Amino acid sequence: MAEQERTGMVTMRGNPLTLIGPALKPGDKAPDFQCVAPDLTPVTLASSAGKARLLISVPSLDTPVCSTETIRFNREVAGIGGNSQVSVISMDLPFAQKRFCGSENIANIQTLSDHREASFGRAYGVLIKELRLLARALFVVDPRGTIRYVQIVPEVAQEPNYDEALNALRAVAG
């Protein structure tokens, strides 16, 4: 079965890019995926079952916007508490993610690498065909596994709407 492709939802410096995978929306069941943690253990959506999840995809932690975004979310989710899990997912190798987290004191979120199979990127429709990177996007998944919030940032080099995503997470984290 051919993978779904969508063009024009995301740009890089104004140039349209092609996203591979479905266009998920609030109310959809969150698809499972398998990524790798910095210690090389596999992590799936089911690994955080029963928690409110904020899944953040970024092109690469080694870029200024992705670094800024990850550092800000790390700082802001510290006060959310409740039953939540925040994950930043990129195609970066687990070793690079571990280095980044150490140098930036990232302790309130987990980083996950989708480099092997692009499992998250394909399942959530954020794999950029032309670059084999993930688009900048945010998904809030409630404890029952339903997507409650989706934000696909239209220009890869722009930051997301932090407040909307954090408010959506707070609403389902209880």
Protein backbone atom coordinates (compact mmCIF):
# COMPACT_ATOMS: atom_id res chain seq x y z
CA MET A 1 0.00 0.00 0.00
CA ALA A 2 1.44 3.38 -1.00
CA GLU A 3 2.00 5.93 1.74
CA GLN A 4 -0.11 9.05 1.75
CA GLU A 5 1.73 12.21 0.68
CA ARG A 6 0.64 15.81 1.31
CA THR A 7 2.30 18.83 -0.24
CA GLY A 8 1.97 22.48 0.73
CA MET A 9 1.17 22.12 4.45
CA VAL A 10 4.77 22.85 5.42
CA THR A 11 7.47 25.00 3.86
CA MET A 12 11.17 25.60 4.42
CA ARG A 13 12.21 29.15 3.59
CA GLY A 14 8.98 29.42 1.57
CA ASN A 15 9.61 26.27 -0.48
CA PRO A 16 6.80 23.66 -0.23
CA LEU A 17 7.70 20.29 1.26
CA THR A 18 5.97 16.90 1.08
CA LEU A 19 4.77 15.23 4.28
CA ILE A 20 4.45 11.44 4.37
CA GLY A 21 1.64 9.91 6.41
CA PRO A 22 -1.88 10.76 7.51
CA ALA A 23 -3.25 14.18 8.42
CA LEU A 24 -4.20 13.49 12.03
CA LYS A 25 -6.78 15.66 13.79
CA PRO A 26 -8.29 16.02 17.25
CA GLY A 27 -10.58 13.09 18.00
CA ASP A 28 -8.42 10.56 16.10
CA LYS A 29 -6.95 7.60 17.95
CA ALA A 30 -3.25 8.25 18.47
CA PRO A 31 -1.22 5.82 16.36
CA ASP A 32 1.44 3.73 18.02
CA PHE A 33 5.09 4.21 17.05
CA GLN A 34 8.51 2.99 18.11
CA CYS A 35 11.44 5.32 18.72
CA VAL A 36 14.69 4.95 20.63
CA ALA A 37 15.59 6.68 23.91
CA PRO A 38 19.10 8.08 24.44
CA ASP A 39 20.01 4.86 26.31
CA LEU A 40 18.93 2.89 23.18
CA THR A 41 15.83 1.36 24.77
CA PRO A 42 12.74 1.22 22.55
CA VAL A 43 9.89 3.60 23.45
CA THR A 44 6.35 3.36 22.10
CA LEU A 45 3.16 5.32 22.67
CA ALA A 46 2.07 2.41 24.88
CA SER A 47 5.15 3.05 27.08
CA SER A 48 3.30 6.06 28.51
CA ALA A 49 -0.23 4.59 28.50
CA GLY A 50 -2.55 6.22 30.99
CA LYS A 51 -0.71 9.54 30.89
CA ALA A 52 -1.46 12.79 29.11
CA ARG A 53 1.21 13.14 26.43
CA LEU A 54 2.69 16.09 24.57
CA LEU A 55 4.53 14.72 21.54
CA ILE A 56 6.77 17.34 19.97
CA SER A 57 8.46 16.66 16.64
CA VAL A 58 11.38 18.80 15.53
CA PRO A 59 13.78 18.61 12.55
CA SER A 60 17.01 18.54 14.64
CA LEU A 61 18.02 19.54 18.17
CA ASP A 62 21.25 20.90 16.67
CA THR A 63 19.46 23.86 15.07
CA PRO A 64 18.67 27.17 16.79
CA VAL A 65 14.86 27.01 16.60
CA CYS A 66 14.64 23.35 17.72
CA SER A 67 17.07 24.00 20.56
CA THR A 68 15.09 27.07 21.70
CA GLU A 69 11.82 25.15 21.49
CA THR A 70 13.10 22.16 23.47
CA ILE A 71 14.67 24.34 26.18
CA ARG A 72 11.46 26.37 26.54
CA PHE A 73 9.22 23.31 26.77
CA ASN A 74 11.61 21.76 29.32
CA ARG A 75 11.27 24.90 31.47
CA GLU A 76 7.51 25.35 31.06
CA VAL A 77 6.37 21.77 31.63
CA ALA A 78 8.11 21.68 35.02
CA GLY A 79 5.08 23.41 36.55
CA ILE A 80 2.40 21.30 34.89
CA GLY A 81 2.68 18.28 37.15
CA GLY A 82 -0.20 15.89 37.04
CA ASN A 83 -0.07 12.71 35.07
CA SER A 84 1.85 13.83 31.97
CA GLN A 85 4.76 12.84 29.74
CA VAL A 86 6.46 15.23 27.31
CA SER A 87 8.60 13.84 24.49
CA VAL A 88 10.66 15.66 21.87
CA ILE A 89 11.13 13.44 18.82
CA SER A 90 13.66 14.02 16.05
CA MET A 91 15.77 12.11 13.55
CA ASP A 92 18.88 12.95 15.58
CA LEU A 93 20.90 9.96 16.74
CA PRO A 94 20.32 9.01 20.39
CA PHE A 95 23.93 9.93 21.24
CA ALA A 96 23.45 13.47 19.90
CA GLN A 97 20.21 13.80 21.88
CA LYS A 98 21.95 12.64 25.07
CA ARG A 99 24.75 15.18 24.51
CA PHE A 100 22.20 17.96 23.90
CA CYS A 101 20.20 17.12 27.03
CA GLY A 102 23.37 17.07 29.13
CA SER A 103 24.69 20.38 27.83
CA GLU A 104 21.29 22.13 28.14
CA ASN A 105 20.22 20.54 31.46
CA ILE A 106 17.09 19.00 29.94
CA ALA A 107 15.45 17.05 32.77
CA ASN A 108 11.66 17.50 32.50
CA ILE A 109 11.13 15.97 29.06
CA GLN A 110 12.41 12.93 27.24
CA THR A 111 14.07 12.97 23.84
CA LEU A 112 13.37 10.17 21.39
CA SER A 113 15.13 9.29 18.15
CA ASP A 114 13.07 8.31 15.11
CA HIS A 115 16.21 7.79 13.00
CA ARG A 116 15.84 4.05 12.41
CA GLU A 117 12.47 3.59 10.75
CA ALA A 118 10.81 7.01 10.87
CA SER A 119 8.01 5.19 12.72
CA PHE A 120 6.70 8.32 14.47
CA GLY A 121 7.12 10.51 11.39
CA ARG A 122 5.15 8.11 9.17
CA ALA A 123 2.45 7.35 11.77
CA TYR A 124 1.82 11.01 12.61
CA GLY A 125 2.20 12.39 9.09
CA VAL A 126 5.20 14.61 9.80
CA LEU A 127 8.01 12.89 7.88
CA ILE A 128 9.42 15.36 5.34
CA LYS A 129 10.01 13.36 2.17
CA GLU A 130 12.64 15.65 0.66
CA LEU A 131 14.81 15.86 3.79
CA ARG A 132 14.04 12.70 5.81
CA LEU A 133 13.55 14.96 8.80
CA LEU A 134 10.46 15.54 10.91
CA ALA A 135 8.31 18.63 10.50
CA ARG A 136 7.84 20.90 13.50
CA ALA A 137 4.59 19.70 15.06
CA LEU A 138 2.83 19.19 18.39
CA PHE A 139 0.32 16.53 19.38
CA VAL A 140 -1.49 16.31 22.71
CA VAL A 141 -2.79 12.82 23.46
CA ASP A 142 -5.13 12.24 26.40
CA PRO A 143 -4.66 9.35 28.88
CA ARG A 144 -7.12 7.20 26.86
CA GLY A 145 -5.03 7.56 23.68
CA THR A 146 -7.15 10.10 21.82
CA ILE A 147 -5.52 13.07 20.10
CA ARG A 148 -6.88 16.28 21.62
CA TYR A 149 -4.67 18.91 19.96
CA VAL A 150 -2.63 19.11 16.76
CA GLN A 151 -0.34 21.91 15.58
CA ILE A 152 1.68 21.54 12.39
CA VAL A 153 3.91 24.62 12.16
CA PRO A 154 3.57 25.85 8.56
CA GLU A 155 7.14 27.16 8.20
CA VAL A 156 9.77 24.73 9.53
CA ALA A 157 12.00 27.58 10.75
CA GLN A 158 9.28 29.14 12.96
CA GLU A 159 8.51 28.35 16.58
CA PRO A 160 5.19 26.76 17.57
CA ASN A 161 2.42 28.31 19.64
CA TYR A 162 3.68 27.23 23.06
CA ASP A 163 0.72 28.52 25.05
CA GLU A 164 -1.88 26.65 23.00
CA ALA A 165 0.00 23.35 23.32
CA LEU A 166 0.66 23.76 27.05
CA ASN A 167 -2.96 24.70 27.71
CA ALA A 168 -4.12 21.63 25.78
CA LEU A 169 -1.76 19.44 27.84
CA ARG A 170 -2.97 20.98 31.12
CA ALA A 171 -6.57 20.35 30.08
CA VAL A 172 -6.01 16.59 29.76
CA ALA A 173 -3.33 16.09 32.45
CA GLY A 174 -5.77 16.58 35.33
